[in-house]
Amino acid sequence: MNAIPLYILAAVGEIAGCFAFWAWLRLGKSPLWVIPGLLSLVLFAWLLTRIEADFAGRAFAAYGGIYIAASLVWMAVVEGARPDRWDMIGSGICIFGALIILLGPRGG
């Protein structure tokens, strides 16, 4: 499978898992939110290991850019807060960096 869809799915898993803890600890939701949160975080970790990369660090570094963009989408869709231009500029820079890591030519 292509790395980009895996990164996006992993980001959704991580963000959903972390948001479950946020909802419990910051928004006063039930502690039962932790259960789907933990399952989401396990799914995130599993998906990230499906990335074809020679080194875990490179896969994780490229993921960072995707995570940042996905977090802003989450903020808009789930939390109802529109990212501002600085969010969008920063996210664009991070995506560009992630693409360099993912697609950069590697010497043998």
PDB file of N, CA and C in Angstrom:
ATOM      1  N   MET A   1       0.841  -1.192   0.000  1.00  0.00           N
ATOM      2  CA  MET A   1       0.000   0.000   0.000  1.00  0.00           C
ATOM      3  C   MET A   1       0.877   1.243   0.000  1.00  0.00           C
ATOM      4  N   ASN A   2       0.431   2.273  -0.683  1.00  0.00           N
ATOM      5  CA  ASN A   2       1.133   3.538  -0.746  1.00  0.00           C
ATOM      6  C   ASN A   2       1.293   4.130   0.654  1.00  0.00           C
ATOM      7  N   ALA A   3       2.402   4.824   0.875  1.00  0.00           N
ATOM      8  CA  ALA A   3       2.676   5.372   2.205  1.00  0.00           C
ATOM      9  C   ALA A   3       1.698   6.467   2.603  1.00  0.00           C
ATOM     10  N   ILE A   4       1.278   7.302   1.688  1.00  0.00           N
ATOM     11  CA  ILE A   4       0.427   8.442   2.051  1.00  0.00           C
ATOM     12  C   ILE A   4      -0.894   7.994   2.695  1.00  0.00           C
ATOM     13  N   PRO A   5      -1.646   7.051   2.096  1.00  0.00           N
ATOM     14  CA  PRO A   5      -2.875   6.614   2.785  1.00  0.00           C
ATOM     15  C   PRO A   5      -2.608   6.000   4.161  1.00  0.00           C
ATOM     16  N   LEU A   6      -1.513   5.264   4.287  1.00  0.00           N
ATOM     17  CA  LEU A   6      -1.177   4.691   5.597  1.00  0.00           C
ATOM     18  C   LEU A   6      -0.872   5.784   6.609  1.00  0.00           C
ATOM     19  N   TYR A   7      -0.126   6.799   6.172  1.00  0.00           N
ATOM     20  CA  TYR A   7       0.164   7.920   7.067  1.00  0.00           C
ATOM     21  C   TYR A   7      -1.120   8.631   7.493  1.00  0.00           C
ATOM     22  N   ILE A   8      -2.031   8.828   6.557  1.00  0.00           N
ATOM     23  CA  ILE A   8      -3.290   9.510   6.880  1.00  0.00           C
ATOM     24  C   ILE A   8      -4.105   8.686   7.871  1.00  0.00           C
ATOM     25  N   LEU A   9      -4.225   7.392   7.615  1.00  0.00           N
ATOM     26  CA  LEU A   9      -4.962   6.519   8.544  1.00  0.00           C
ATOM     27  C   LEU A   9      -4.291   6.480   9.921  1.00  0.00           C
ATOM     28  N   ALA A  10      -2.959   6.430   9.931  1.00  0.00           N
ATOM     29  CA  ALA A  10      -2.232   6.436  11.204  1.00  0.00           C
ATOM     30  C   ALA A  10      -2.489   7.738  11.952  1.00  0.00           C
ATOM     31  N   ALA A  11      -2.499   8.845  11.226  1.00  0.00           N
ATOM     32  CA  ALA A  11      -2.744  10.140  11.866  1.00  0.00           C
ATOM     33  C   ALA A  11      -4.137  10.191  12.483  1.00  0.00           C
ATOM     34  N   VAL A  12      -5.129   9.686  11.764  1.00  0.00           N
ATOM     35  CA  VAL A  12      -6.488   9.658  12.319  1.00  0.00           C
ATOM     36  C   VAL A  12      -6.511   8.815  13.599  1.00  0.00           C
ATOM     37  N   GLY A  13      -5.832   7.667  13.567  1.00  0.00           N
ATOM     38  CA  GLY A  13      -5.777   6.820  14.759  1.00  0.00           C
ATOM     39  C   GLY A  13      -5.106   7.515  15.931  1.00  0.00           C
ATOM     40  N   GLU A  14      -3.995   8.180  15.670  1.00  0.00           N
ATOM     41  CA  GLU A  14      -3.284   8.851  16.761  1.00  0.00           C
ATOM     42  C   GLU A  14      -4.080  10.039  17.296  1.00  0.00           C
ATOM     43  N   ILE A  15      -4.601  10.842  16.395  1.00  0.00           N
ATOM     44  CA  ILE A  15      -5.338  12.020  16.832  1.00  0.00           C
ATOM     45  C   ILE A  15      -6.600  11.617  17.591  1.00  0.00           C
ATOM     46  N   ALA A  16      -7.324  10.625  17.084  1.00  0.00           N
ATOM     47  CA  ALA A  16      -8.537  10.162  17.780  1.00  0.00           C
ATOM     48  C   ALA A  16      -8.182   9.623  19.158  1.00  0.00           C
ATOM     49  N   GLY A  17      -7.099   8.857  19.244  1.00  0.00           N
ATOM     50  CA  GLY A  17      -6.690   8.313  20.534  1.00  0.00           C
ATOM     51  C   GLY A  17      -6.306   9.395  21.524  1.00  0.00           C
ATOM     52  N   CYS A  18      -5.533  10.356  21.066  1.00  0.00           N
ATOM     53  CA  CYS A  18      -5.132  11.453  21.956  1.00  0.00           C
ATOM     54  C   CYS A  18      -6.325  12.327  22.313  1.00  0.00           C
ATOM     55  N   PHE A  19      -7.225  12.527  21.352  1.00  0.00           N
ATOM     56  CA  PHE A  19      -8.411  13.340  21.645  1.00  0.00           C
ATOM     57  C   PHE A  19      -9.294  12.669  22.687  1.00  0.00           C
ATOM     58  N   ALA A  20      -9.345  11.358  22.690  1.00  0.00           N
ATOM     59  CA  ALA A  20     -10.133  10.657  23.710  1.00  0.00           C
ATOM     60  C   ALA A  20      -9.615  10.995  25.106  1.00  0.00           C
ATOM     61  N   PHE A  21      -8.298  11.041  25.262  1.00  0.00           N
ATOM     62  CA  PHE A  21      -7.725  11.427  26.556  1.00  0.00           C
ATOM     63  C   PHE A  21      -7.993  12.905  26.836  1.00  0.00           C
ATOM     64  N   TRP A  22      -7.891  13.740  25.803  1.00  0.00           N
ATOM     65  CA  TRP A  22      -8.191  15.170  25.940  1.00  0.00           C
ATOM     66  C   TRP A  22      -9.633  15.348  26.433  1.00  0.00           C
ATOM     67  N   ALA A  23     -10.556  14.604  25.806  1.00  0.00           N
ATOM     68  CA  ALA A  23     -11.972  14.716  26.172  1.00  0.00           C
ATOM     69  C   ALA A  23     -12.181  14.317  27.630  1.00  0.00           C
ATOM     70  N   TRP A  24     -11.515  13.264  28.052  1.00  0.00           N
ATOM     71  CA  TRP A  24     -11.647  12.796  29.427  1.00  0.00           C
ATOM     72  C   TRP A  24     -11.042  13.805  30.408  1.00  0.00           C
ATOM     73  N   LEU A  25      -9.790  14.199  30.159  1.00  0.00           N
ATOM     74  CA  LEU A  25      -9.044  14.995  31.138  1.00  0.00           C
ATOM     75  C   LEU A  25      -9.289  16.501  31.041  1.00  0.00           C
ATOM     76  N   ARG A  26      -9.638  16.990  29.854  1.00  0.00           N
ATOM     77  CA  ARG A  26      -9.810  18.431  29.692  1.00  0.00           C
ATOM     78  C   ARG A  26     -11.259  18.859  29.495  1.00  0.00           C
ATOM     79  N   LEU A  27     -12.074  17.942  28.966  1.00  0.00           N
ATOM     80  CA  LEU A  27     -13.466  18.303  28.684  1.00  0.00           C
ATOM     81  C   LEU A  27     -14.455  17.665  29.648  1.00  0.00           C
ATOM     82  N   GLY A  28     -13.925  16.909  30.619  1.00  0.00           N
ATOM     83  CA  GLY A  28     -14.782  16.325  31.641  1.00  0.00           C
ATOM     84  C   GLY A  28     -15.640  15.157  31.176  1.00  0.00           C
ATOM     85  N   LYS A  29     -15.240  14.508  30.093  1.00  0.00           N
ATOM     86  CA  LYS A  29     -15.987  13.341  29.614  1.00  0.00           C
ATOM     87  C   LYS A  29     -15.697  12.145  30.506  1.00  0.00           C
ATOM     88  N   SER A  30     -16.469  11.092  30.321  1.00  0.00           N
ATOM     89  CA  SER A  30     -16.328   9.872  31.107  1.00  0.00           C
ATOM     90  C   SER A  30     -14.942   9.240  30.924  1.00  0.00           C
ATOM     91  N   PRO A  31     -14.399   8.634  31.974  1.00  0.00           N
ATOM     92  CA  PRO A  31     -13.140   7.894  31.829  1.00  0.00           C
ATOM     93  C   PRO A  31     -13.236   6.745  30.823  1.00  0.00           C
ATOM     94  N   LEU A  32     -14.448   6.340  30.481  1.00  0.00           N
ATOM     95  CA  LEU A  32     -14.623   5.280  29.483  1.00  0.00           C
ATOM     96  C   LEU A  32     -14.119   5.703  28.101  1.00  0.00           C
ATOM     97  N   TRP A  33     -13.932   6.993  27.894  1.00  0.00           N
ATOM     98  CA  TRP A  33     -13.354   7.469  26.632  1.00  0.00           C
ATOM     99  C   TRP A  33     -11.940   6.901  26.430  1.00  0.00           C
ATOM    100  N   VAL A  34     -11.293   6.513  27.518  1.00  0.00           N
ATOM    101  CA  VAL A  34      -9.931   5.981  27.422  1.00  0.00           C
ATOM    102  C   VAL A  34      -9.901   4.670  26.629  1.00  0.00           C
ATOM    103  N   ILE A  35     -10.943   3.872  26.720  1.00  0.00           N
ATOM    104  CA  ILE A  35     -10.942   2.560  26.048  1.00  0.00           C
ATOM    105  C   ILE A  35     -10.831   2.709  24.534  1.00  0.00           C
ATOM    106  N   PRO A  36     -11.717   3.452  23.866  1.00  0.00           N
ATOM    107  CA  PRO A  36     -11.515   3.622  22.423  1.00  0.00           C
ATOM    108  C   PRO A  36     -10.248   4.410  22.111  1.00  0.00           C
ATOM    109  N   GLY A  37      -9.852   5.281  23.047  1.00  0.00           N
ATOM    110  CA  GLY A  37      -8.605   6.024  22.853  1.00  0.00           C
ATOM    111  C   GLY A  37      -7.407   5.097  22.771  1.00  0.00           C
ATOM    112  N   LEU A  38      -7.333   4.156  23.680  1.00  0.00           N
ATOM    113  CA  LEU A  38      -6.225   3.196  23.665  1.00  0.00           C
ATOM    114  C   LEU A  38      -6.258   2.328  22.412  1.00  0.00           C
ATOM    115  N   LEU A  39      -7.452   1.895  22.017  1.00  0.00           N
ATOM    116  CA  LEU A  39      -7.573   1.092  20.795  1.00  0.00           C
ATOM    117  C   LEU A  39      -7.126   1.888  19.570  1.00  0.00           C
ATOM    118  N   SER A  40      -7.475   3.159  19.526  1.00  0.00           N
ATOM    119  CA  SER A  40      -7.047   4.013  18.418  1.00  0.00           C
ATOM    120  C   SER A  40      -5.529   4.167  18.392  1.00  0.00           C
ATOM    121  N   LEU A  41      -4.925   4.306  19.561  1.00  0.00           N
ATOM    122  CA  LEU A  41      -3.469   4.451  19.616  1.00  0.00           C
ATOM    123  C   LEU A  41      -2.756   3.162  19.203  1.00  0.00           C
ATOM    124  N   VAL A  42      -3.327   2.018  19.547  1.00  0.00           N
ATOM    125  CA  VAL A  42      -2.762   0.743  19.090  1.00  0.00           C
ATOM    126  C   VAL A  42      -2.868   0.641  17.569  1.00  0.00           C
ATOM    127  N   LEU A  43      -4.019   1.015  17.030  1.00  0.00           N
ATOM    128  CA  LEU A  43      -4.194   1.011  15.569  1.00  0.00           C
ATOM    129  C   LEU A  43      -3.187   1.936  14.905  1.00  0.00           C
ATOM    130  N   PHE A  44      -2.994   3.115  15.461  1.00  0.00           N
ATOM    131  CA  PHE A  44      -1.991   4.058  14.948  1.00  0.00           C
ATOM    132  C   PHE A  44      -0.607   3.410  14.874  1.00  0.00           C
ATOM    133  N   ALA A  45      -0.175   2.807  15.973  1.00  0.00           N
ATOM    134  CA  ALA A  45       1.156   2.205  16.008  1.00  0.00           C
ATOM    135  C   ALA A  45       1.280   1.077  14.989  1.00  0.00           C
ATOM    136  N   TRP A  46       0.253   0.261  14.891  1.00  0.00           N
ATOM    137  CA  TRP A  46       0.275  -0.841  13.923  1.00  0.00           C
ATOM    138  C   TRP A  46       0.350  -0.307  12.501  1.00  0.00           C
ATOM    139  N   LEU A  47      -0.464   0.692  12.170  1.00  0.00           N
ATOM    140  CA  LEU A  47      -0.455   1.258  10.820  1.00  0.00           C
ATOM    141  C   LEU A  47       0.898   1.855  10.475  1.00  0.00           C
ATOM    142  N   LEU A  48       1.516   2.516  11.434  1.00  0.00           N
ATOM    143  CA  LEU A  48       2.819   3.135  11.160  1.00  0.00           C
ATOM    144  C   LEU A  48       3.883   2.090  10.849  1.00  0.00           C
ATOM    145  N   THR A  49       3.740   0.895  11.397  1.00  0.00           N
ATOM    146  CA  THR A  49       4.716  -0.157  11.087  1.00  0.00           C
ATOM    147  C   THR A  49       4.497  -0.759   9.699  1.00  0.00           C
ATOM    148  N   ARG A  50       3.396  -0.445   9.067  1.00  0.00           N
ATOM    149  CA  ARG A  50       3.113  -0.953   7.708  1.00  0.00           C
ATOM    150  C   ARG A  50       3.795  -0.109   6.628  1.00  0.00           C
ATOM    151  N   ILE A  51       4.386   1.014   7.021  1.00  0.00           N
ATOM    152  CA  ILE A  51       5.069   1.894   6.064  1.00  0.00           C
ATOM    153  C   ILE A  51       6.342   1.206   5.585  1.00  0.00           C
ATOM    154  N   GLU A  52       6.512   1.175   4.263  1.00  0.00           N
ATOM    155  CA  GLU A  52       7.735   0.620   3.686  1.00  0.00           C
ATOM    156  C   GLU A  52       8.852   1.660   3.814  1.00  0.00           C
ATOM    157  N   ALA A  53       9.763   1.423   4.728  1.00  0.00           N
ATOM    158  CA  ALA A  53      10.900   2.328   4.934  1.00  0.00           C
ATOM    159  C   ALA A  53      12.061   1.501   5.459  1.00  0.00           C
ATOM    160  N   ASP A  54      13.248   1.920   5.077  1.00  0.00           N
ATOM    161  CA  ASP A  54      14.437   1.219   5.548  1.00  0.00           C
ATOM    162  C   ASP A  54      14.698   1.457   7.033  1.00  0.00           C
ATOM    163  N   PHE A  55      14.252   2.604   7.524  1.00  0.00           N
ATOM    164  CA  PHE A  55      14.528   2.970   8.912  1.00  0.00           C
ATOM    165  C   PHE A  55      13.270   3.532   9.566  1.00  0.00           C
ATOM    166  N   ALA A  56      13.018   3.118  10.787  1.00  0.00           N
ATOM    167  CA  ALA A  56      11.848   3.606  11.516  1.00  0.00           C
ATOM    168  C   ALA A  56      11.895   5.117  11.664  1.00  0.00           C
ATOM    169  N   GLY A  57      13.053   5.656  11.969  1.00  0.00           N
ATOM    170  CA  GLY A  57      13.185   7.101  12.159  1.00  0.00           C
ATOM    171  C   GLY A  57      12.761   7.893  10.939  1.00  0.00           C
ATOM    172  N   ARG A  58      13.089   7.399   9.749  1.00  0.00           N
ATOM    173  CA  ARG A  58      12.687   8.096   8.525  1.00  0.00           C
ATOM    174  C   ARG A  58      11.170   8.023   8.342  1.00  0.00           C
ATOM    175  N   ALA A  59      10.587   6.869   8.615  1.00  0.00           N
ATOM    176  CA  ALA A  59       9.132   6.734   8.521  1.00  0.00           C
ATOM    177  C   ALA A  59       8.451   7.661   9.515  1.00  0.00           C
ATOM    178  N   PHE A  60       8.978   7.742  10.726  1.00  0.00           N
ATOM    179  CA  PHE A  60       8.387   8.591  11.756  1.00  0.00           C
ATOM    180  C   PHE A  60       8.544  10.069  11.417  1.00  0.00           C
ATOM    181  N   ALA A  61       9.699  10.443  10.869  1.00  0.00           N
ATOM    182  CA  ALA A  61       9.943  11.840  10.511  1.00  0.00           C
ATOM    183  C   ALA A  61       8.985  12.301   9.417  1.00  0.00           C
ATOM    184  N   ALA A  62       8.807  11.474   8.397  1.00  0.00           N
ATOM    185  CA  ALA A  62       7.889  11.829   7.316  1.00  0.00           C
ATOM    186  C   ALA A  62       6.456  11.890   7.845  1.00  0.00           C
ATOM    187  N   TYR A  63       6.117  11.009   8.754  1.00  0.00           N
ATOM    188  CA  TYR A  63       4.791  10.997   9.351  1.00  0.00           C
ATOM    189  C   TYR A  63       4.474  12.318  10.045  1.00  0.00           C
ATOM    190  N   GLY A  64       5.481  12.921  10.639  1.00  0.00           N
ATOM    191  CA  GLY A  64       5.267  14.168  11.376  1.00  0.00           C
ATOM    192  C   GLY A  64       4.567  15.237  10.560  1.00  0.00           C
ATOM    193  N   GLY A  65       4.966  15.395   9.308  1.00  0.00           N
ATOM    194  CA  GLY A  65       4.329  16.397   8.456  1.00  0.00           C
ATOM    195  C   GLY A  65       2.877  16.085   8.187  1.00  0.00           C
ATOM    196  N   ILE A  66       2.589  14.808   7.947  1.00  0.00           N
ATOM    197  CA  ILE A  66       1.213  14.380   7.695  1.00  0.00           C
ATOM    198  C   ILE A  66       0.373  14.578   8.959  1.00  0.00           C
ATOM    199  N   TYR A  67       0.954  14.258  10.104  1.00  0.00           N
ATOM    200  CA  TYR A  67       0.250  14.412  11.382  1.00  0.00           C
ATOM    201  C   TYR A  67      -0.159  15.859  11.624  1.00  0.00           C
ATOM    202  N   ILE A  68       0.727  16.780  11.326  1.00  0.00           N
ATOM    203  CA  ILE A  68       0.430  18.196  11.556  1.00  0.00           C
ATOM    204  C   ILE A  68      -0.753  18.635  10.702  1.00  0.00           C
ATOM    205  N   ALA A  69      -0.731  18.277   9.419  1.00  0.00           N
ATOM    206  CA  ALA A  69      -1.843  18.647   8.537  1.00  0.00           C
ATOM    207  C   ALA A  69      -3.145  17.980   8.991  1.00  0.00           C
ATOM    208  N   ALA A  70      -3.068  16.706   9.349  1.00  0.00           N
ATOM    209  CA  ALA A  70      -4.265  15.983   9.791  1.00  0.00           C
ATOM    210  C   ALA A  70      -4.814  16.585  11.089  1.00  0.00           C
ATOM    211  N   SER A  71      -3.944  17.059  11.954  1.00  0.00           N
ATOM    212  CA  SER A  71      -4.390  17.677  13.205  1.00  0.00           C
ATOM    213  C   SER A  71      -5.208  18.939  12.931  1.00  0.00           C
ATOM    214  N   LEU A  72      -4.808  19.699  11.926  1.00  0.00           N
ATOM    215  CA  LEU A  72      -5.554  20.906  11.581  1.00  0.00           C
ATOM    216  C   LEU A  72      -6.899  20.559  10.943  1.00  0.00           C
ATOM    217  N   VAL A  73      -6.936  19.489  10.164  1.00  0.00           N
ATOM    218  CA  VAL A  73      -8.208  19.023   9.617  1.00  0.00           C
ATOM    219  C   VAL A  73      -9.116  18.589  10.770  1.00  0.00           C
ATOM    220  N   TRP A  74      -8.575  17.856  11.729  1.00  0.00           N
ATOM    221  CA  TRP A  74      -9.339  17.428  12.908  1.00  0.00           C
ATOM    222  C   TRP A  74      -9.901  18.640  13.635  1.00  0.00           C
ATOM    223  N   MET A  75      -9.048  19.655  13.827  1.00  0.00           N
ATOM    224  CA  MET A  75      -9.469  20.860  14.519  1.00  0.00           C
ATOM    225  C   MET A  75     -10.674  21.495  13.818  1.00  0.00           C
ATOM    226  N   ALA A  76     -10.629  21.500  12.493  1.00  0.00           N
ATOM    227  CA  ALA A  76     -11.721  22.105  11.732  1.00  0.00           C
ATOM    228  C   ALA A  76     -12.979  21.243  11.747  1.00  0.00           C
ATOM    229  N   VAL A  77     -12.827  19.948  11.495  1.00  0.00           N
ATOM    230  CA  VAL A  77     -13.981  19.067  11.330  1.00  0.00           C
ATOM    231  C   VAL A  77     -14.602  18.674  12.669  1.00  0.00           C
ATOM    232  N   VAL A  78     -13.785  18.267  13.619  1.00  0.00           N
ATOM    233  CA  VAL A  78     -14.307  17.746  14.890  1.00  0.00           C
ATOM    234  C   VAL A  78     -14.526  18.862  15.912  1.00  0.00           C
ATOM    235  N   GLU A  79     -13.563  19.779  15.996  1.00  0.00           N
ATOM    236  CA  GLU A  79     -13.656  20.810  17.029  1.00  0.00           C
ATOM    237  C   GLU A  79     -14.321  22.100  16.533  1.00  0.00           C
ATOM    238  N   GLY A  80     -14.529  22.205  15.234  1.00  0.00           N
ATOM    239  CA  GLY A  80     -15.228  23.359  14.689  1.00  0.00           C
ATOM    240  C   GLY A  80     -14.453  24.658  14.700  1.00  0.00           C
ATOM    241  N   ALA A  81     -13.125  24.576  14.782  1.00  0.00           N
ATOM    242  CA  ALA A  81     -12.285  25.774  14.775  1.00  0.00           C
ATOM    243  C   ALA A  81     -11.517  25.838  13.452  1.00  0.00           C
ATOM    244  N   ARG A  82     -11.674  26.923  12.749  1.00  0.00           N
ATOM    245  CA  ARG A  82     -11.029  27.064  11.440  1.00  0.00           C
ATOM    246  C   ARG A  82      -9.549  27.417  11.602  1.00  0.00           C
ATOM    247  N   PRO A  83      -8.671  26.648  10.950  1.00  0.00           N
ATOM    248  CA  PRO A  83      -7.250  27.004  10.987  1.00  0.00           C
ATOM    249  C   PRO A  83      -7.028  28.387  10.361  1.00  0.00           C
ATOM    250  N   ASP A  84      -6.120  29.150  10.934  1.00  0.00           N
ATOM    251  CA  ASP A  84      -5.830  30.457  10.357  1.00  0.00           C
ATOM    252  C   ASP A  84      -4.702  30.338   9.328  1.00  0.00           C
ATOM    253  N   ARG A  85      -4.329  31.444   8.732  1.00  0.00           N
ATOM    254  CA  ARG A  85      -3.318  31.394   7.663  1.00  0.00           C
ATOM    255  C   ARG A  85      -1.979  30.887   8.168  1.00  0.00           C
ATOM    256  N   TRP A  86      -1.653  31.174   9.419  1.00  0.00           N
ATOM    257  CA  TRP A  86      -0.370  30.715   9.967  1.00  0.00           C
ATOM    258  C   TRP A  86      -0.386  29.204  10.166  1.00  0.00           C
ATOM    259  N   ASP A  87      -1.524  28.670  10.553  1.00  0.00           N
ATOM    260  CA  ASP A  87      -1.672  27.216  10.629  1.00  0.00           C
ATOM    261  C   ASP A  87      -1.438  26.604   9.245  1.00  0.00           C
ATOM    262  N   MET A  88      -2.063  27.215   8.239  1.00  0.00           N
ATOM    263  CA  MET A  88      -1.982  26.673   6.880  1.00  0.00           C
ATOM    264  C   MET A  88      -0.566  26.793   6.311  1.00  0.00           C
ATOM    265  N   ILE A  89       0.088  27.915   6.551  1.00  0.00           N
ATOM    266  CA  ILE A  89       1.463  28.091   6.073  1.00  0.00           C
ATOM    267  C   ILE A  89       2.387  27.081   6.757  1.00  0.00           C
ATOM    268  N   GLY A  90       2.264  26.972   8.071  1.00  0.00           N
ATOM    269  CA  GLY A  90       3.097  26.023   8.809  1.00  0.00           C
ATOM    270  C   GLY A  90       2.860  24.596   8.362  1.00  0.00           C
ATOM    271  N   SER A  91       1.605  24.247   8.167  1.00  0.00           N
ATOM    272  CA  SER A  91       1.266  22.902   7.715  1.00  0.00           C
ATOM    273  C   SER A  91       1.839  22.634   6.327  1.00  0.00           C
ATOM    274  N   GLY A  92       1.734  23.613   5.449  1.00  0.00           N
ATOM    275  CA  GLY A  92       2.290  23.451   4.098  1.00  0.00           C
ATOM    276  C   GLY A  92       3.787  23.211   4.125  1.00  0.00           C
ATOM    277  N   ILE A  93       4.486  23.943   4.965  1.00  0.00           N
ATOM    278  CA  ILE A  93       5.933  23.744   5.106  1.00  0.00           C
ATOM    279  C   ILE A  93       6.228  22.332   5.603  1.00  0.00           C
ATOM    280  N   CYS A  94       5.448  21.869   6.572  1.00  0.00           N
ATOM    281  CA  CYS A  94       5.656  20.525   7.121  1.00  0.00           C
ATOM    282  C   CYS A  94       5.367  19.439   6.091  1.00  0.00           C
ATOM    283  N   ILE A  95       4.301  19.604   5.313  1.00  0.00           N
ATOM    284  CA  ILE A  95       3.990  18.635   4.250  1.00  0.00           C
ATOM    285  C   ILE A  95       5.110  18.610   3.232  1.00  0.00           C
ATOM    286  N   PHE A  96       5.607  19.779   2.862  1.00  0.00           N
ATOM    287  CA  PHE A  96       6.721  19.846   1.910  1.00  0.00           C
ATOM    288  C   PHE A  96       7.933  19.091   2.466  1.00  0.00           C
ATOM    289  N   GLY A  97       8.234  19.293   3.735  1.00  0.00           N
ATOM    290  CA  GLY A  97       9.341  18.572   4.361  1.00  0.00           C
ATOM    291  C   GLY A  97       9.120  17.074   4.380  1.00  0.00           C
ATOM    292  N   ALA A  98       7.899  16.655   4.685  1.00  0.00           N
ATOM    293  CA  ALA A  98       7.584  15.224   4.696  1.00  0.00           C
ATOM    294  C   ALA A  98       7.762  14.629   3.305  1.00  0.00           C
ATOM    295  N   LEU A  99       7.339  15.350   2.275  1.00  0.00           N
ATOM    296  CA  LEU A  99       7.492  14.850   0.906  1.00  0.00           C
ATOM    297  C   LEU A  99       8.959  14.738   0.511  1.00  0.00           C
ATOM    298  N   ILE A 100       9.772  15.678   0.950  1.00  0.00           N
ATOM    299  CA  ILE A 100      11.215  15.581   0.679  1.00  0.00           C
ATOM    300  C   ILE A 100      11.769  14.311   1.313  1.00  0.00           C
ATOM    301  N   ILE A 101      11.383  14.047   2.555  1.00  0.00           N
ATOM    302  CA  ILE A 101      11.859  12.838   3.239  1.00  0.00           C
ATOM    303  C   ILE A 101      11.371  11.589   2.518  1.00  0.00           C
ATOM    304  N   LEU A 102      10.086  11.580   2.131  1.00  0.00           N
ATOM    305  CA  LEU A 102       9.503  10.408   1.477  1.00  0.00           C
ATOM    306  C   LEU A 102      10.046  10.167   0.080  1.00  0.00           C
ATOM    307  N   LEU A 103      10.184  11.216  -0.698  1.00  0.00           N
ATOM    308  CA  LEU A 103      10.467  11.068  -2.120  1.00  0.00           C
ATOM    309  C   LEU A 103      11.904  11.398  -2.515  1.00  0.00           C
ATOM    310  N   GLY A 104      12.687  11.861  -1.588  1.00  0.00           N
ATOM    311  CA  GLY A 104      14.079  12.233  -1.915  1.00  0.00           C
ATOM    312  C   GLY A 104      14.870  11.043  -2.431  1.00  0.00           C
ATOM    313  N   PRO A 105      15.719  11.304  -3.427  1.00  0.00           N
ATOM    314  CA  PRO A 105      16.535  10.202  -3.961  1.00  0.00           C
ATOM    315  C   PRO A 105      17.511   9.691  -2.902  1.00  0.00           C
ATOM    316  N   ARG A 106      17.630   8.433  -2.810  1.00  0.00           N
ATOM    317  CA  ARG A 106      18.527   7.813  -1.844  1.00  0.00           C
ATOM    318  C   ARG A 106      19.663   7.134  -2.589  1.00  0.00           C
ATOM    319  N   GLY A 107      20.865   7.448  -2.175  1.00  0.00           N
ATOM    320  CA  GLY A 107      22.036   6.793  -2.755  1.00  0.00           C
ATOM    321  C   GLY A 107      22.230   5.424  -2.157  1.00  0.00           C
ATOM    322  N   GLY A 108      22.773   4.523  -2.965  1.00  0.00           N
ATOM    323  CA  GLY A 108      22.963   3.147  -2.504  1.00  0.00           C
ATOM    324  C   GLY A 108      24.197   3.008  -1.758  1.00  0.00           C
TER     325      GLY A 108
END
